Amino acid sequence: MNNQNDKLPVFVYGTLLAGFGNHRNYVKPYQHEATSATIQGEIYHLPAGYPGLLKGEQEVVGEIVTFAPDVYEQALAGLDELETYYVWRG
């Protein structure tokens, strides 16, 4: 991603919200702006101990987080690691 327009905001919920451990480790360290938001979906509590979000009809409360351009890649890499989502960023 080289273009500022490619740097999309991220919807966060659950432990990535302010006051929770994952927010302290994966969001707060990076300059960002956060706006309260809701989306339509359904949260599942998976046996591994963390939530999953799928398309659904319920209201899910969270935030839209926009990371500053100079920390965007680093912040996203941390979120990808937390979610075990690996993308080649070559």
Protein backbone atom coordinates (compact mmCIF):
# COMPACT_ATOMS: atom_id res chain seq x y z
CA MET A 1 0.00 0.00 0.00
CA ASN A 2 1.68 3.15 -1.16
CA ASN A 3 -1.26 5.49 -1.62
CA GLN A 4 -2.93 7.25 1.33
CA ASN A 5 -6.30 6.37 -0.23
CA ASP A 6 -5.42 2.67 0.23
CA LYS A 7 -5.23 3.11 4.01
CA LEU A 8 -8.72 2.10 5.04
CA PRO A 9 -10.18 2.57 8.51
CA VAL A 10 -10.73 -0.51 10.68
CA PHE A 11 -13.90 -1.48 12.57
CA VAL A 12 -12.97 -2.76 16.02
CA TYR A 13 -15.16 -4.33 18.71
CA GLY A 14 -14.76 -6.38 21.87
CA THR A 15 -11.31 -6.40 23.42
CA LEU A 16 -9.96 -3.94 20.84
CA LEU A 17 -12.14 -1.19 22.37
CA ALA A 18 -10.69 1.30 24.88
CA GLY A 19 -10.33 -0.14 28.36
CA PHE A 20 -9.46 -3.67 27.27
CA GLY A 21 -6.06 -5.36 26.99
CA ASN A 22 -5.94 -5.73 23.25
CA HIS A 23 -6.69 -2.02 22.82
CA ARG A 24 -3.74 -1.18 25.08
CA ASN A 25 -1.45 -3.42 23.04
CA TYR A 26 -2.67 -3.05 19.47
CA VAL A 27 -4.50 0.29 19.10
CA LYS A 28 -3.42 2.75 21.79
CA PRO A 29 0.34 2.67 20.97
CA TYR A 30 -0.33 4.07 17.50
CA GLN A 31 -1.56 7.55 16.67
CA HIS A 32 -5.18 7.19 15.59
CA GLU A 33 -8.66 8.67 15.61
CA ALA A 34 -11.64 6.64 16.79
CA THR A 35 -15.33 7.24 16.19
CA SER A 36 -18.17 5.27 17.78
CA ALA A 37 -19.96 3.07 15.26
CA THR A 38 -22.34 0.17 14.89
CA ILE A 39 -22.64 -2.45 12.17
CA GLN A 40 -25.10 -5.22 11.41
CA GLY A 41 -23.69 -8.60 12.29
CA GLU A 42 -23.62 -11.43 14.75
CA ILE A 43 -20.91 -12.12 17.29
CA TYR A 44 -20.00 -15.73 17.98
CA HIS A 45 -18.02 -16.76 21.04
CA LEU A 46 -15.62 -19.34 19.69
CA PRO A 47 -14.31 -22.27 21.78
CA ALA A 48 -10.78 -20.89 21.52
CA GLY A 49 -11.86 -18.03 23.79
CA TYR A 50 -12.29 -15.15 21.40
CA PRO A 51 -15.19 -13.68 19.42
CA GLY A 52 -15.90 -13.94 15.72
CA LEU A 53 -18.07 -11.55 13.74
CA LEU A 54 -20.23 -12.69 10.86
CA LYS A 55 -22.88 -11.09 8.71
CA GLY A 56 -26.16 -10.90 10.58
CA GLU A 57 -29.07 -8.77 11.72
CA GLN A 58 -27.96 -7.76 15.23
CA GLU A 59 -26.38 -4.41 16.06
CA VAL A 60 -22.71 -4.74 16.97
CA VAL A 61 -21.23 -1.77 18.83
CA GLY A 62 -17.65 -0.78 18.14
CA GLU A 63 -15.46 1.96 16.74
CA ILE A 64 -14.08 3.00 13.40
CA VAL A 65 -10.34 3.47 13.91
CA THR A 66 -8.23 5.44 11.44
CA PHE A 67 -4.50 5.08 12.04
CA ALA A 68 -2.09 7.88 11.14
CA PRO A 69 -0.36 7.27 7.78
CA ASP A 70 3.11 6.92 9.30
CA VAL A 71 2.01 4.10 11.67
CA TYR A 72 -0.66 2.48 9.49
CA GLU A 73 1.37 -0.49 8.23
CA GLN A 74 2.82 -1.25 11.66
CA ALA A 75 -0.59 -1.01 13.37
CA LEU A 76 -2.22 -3.24 10.76
CA ALA A 77 0.59 -5.79 11.04
CA GLY A 78 -0.07 -6.01 14.78
CA LEU A 79 -3.81 -6.46 14.25
CA ASP A 80 -3.13 -9.11 11.62
CA GLU A 81 -0.89 -10.96 14.07
CA LEU A 82 -3.55 -10.78 16.79
CA GLU A 83 -6.19 -12.13 14.42
CA THR A 84 -3.74 -14.66 12.90
CA TYR A 85 -4.40 -13.13 9.50
CA TYR A 86 -1.28 -13.29 7.39
CA VAL A 87 -0.92 -11.40 4.15
CA TRP A 88 2.19 -11.08 2.08
CA ARG A 89 2.97 -7.35 2.00
CA GLY A 90 5.82 -7.58 -0.49
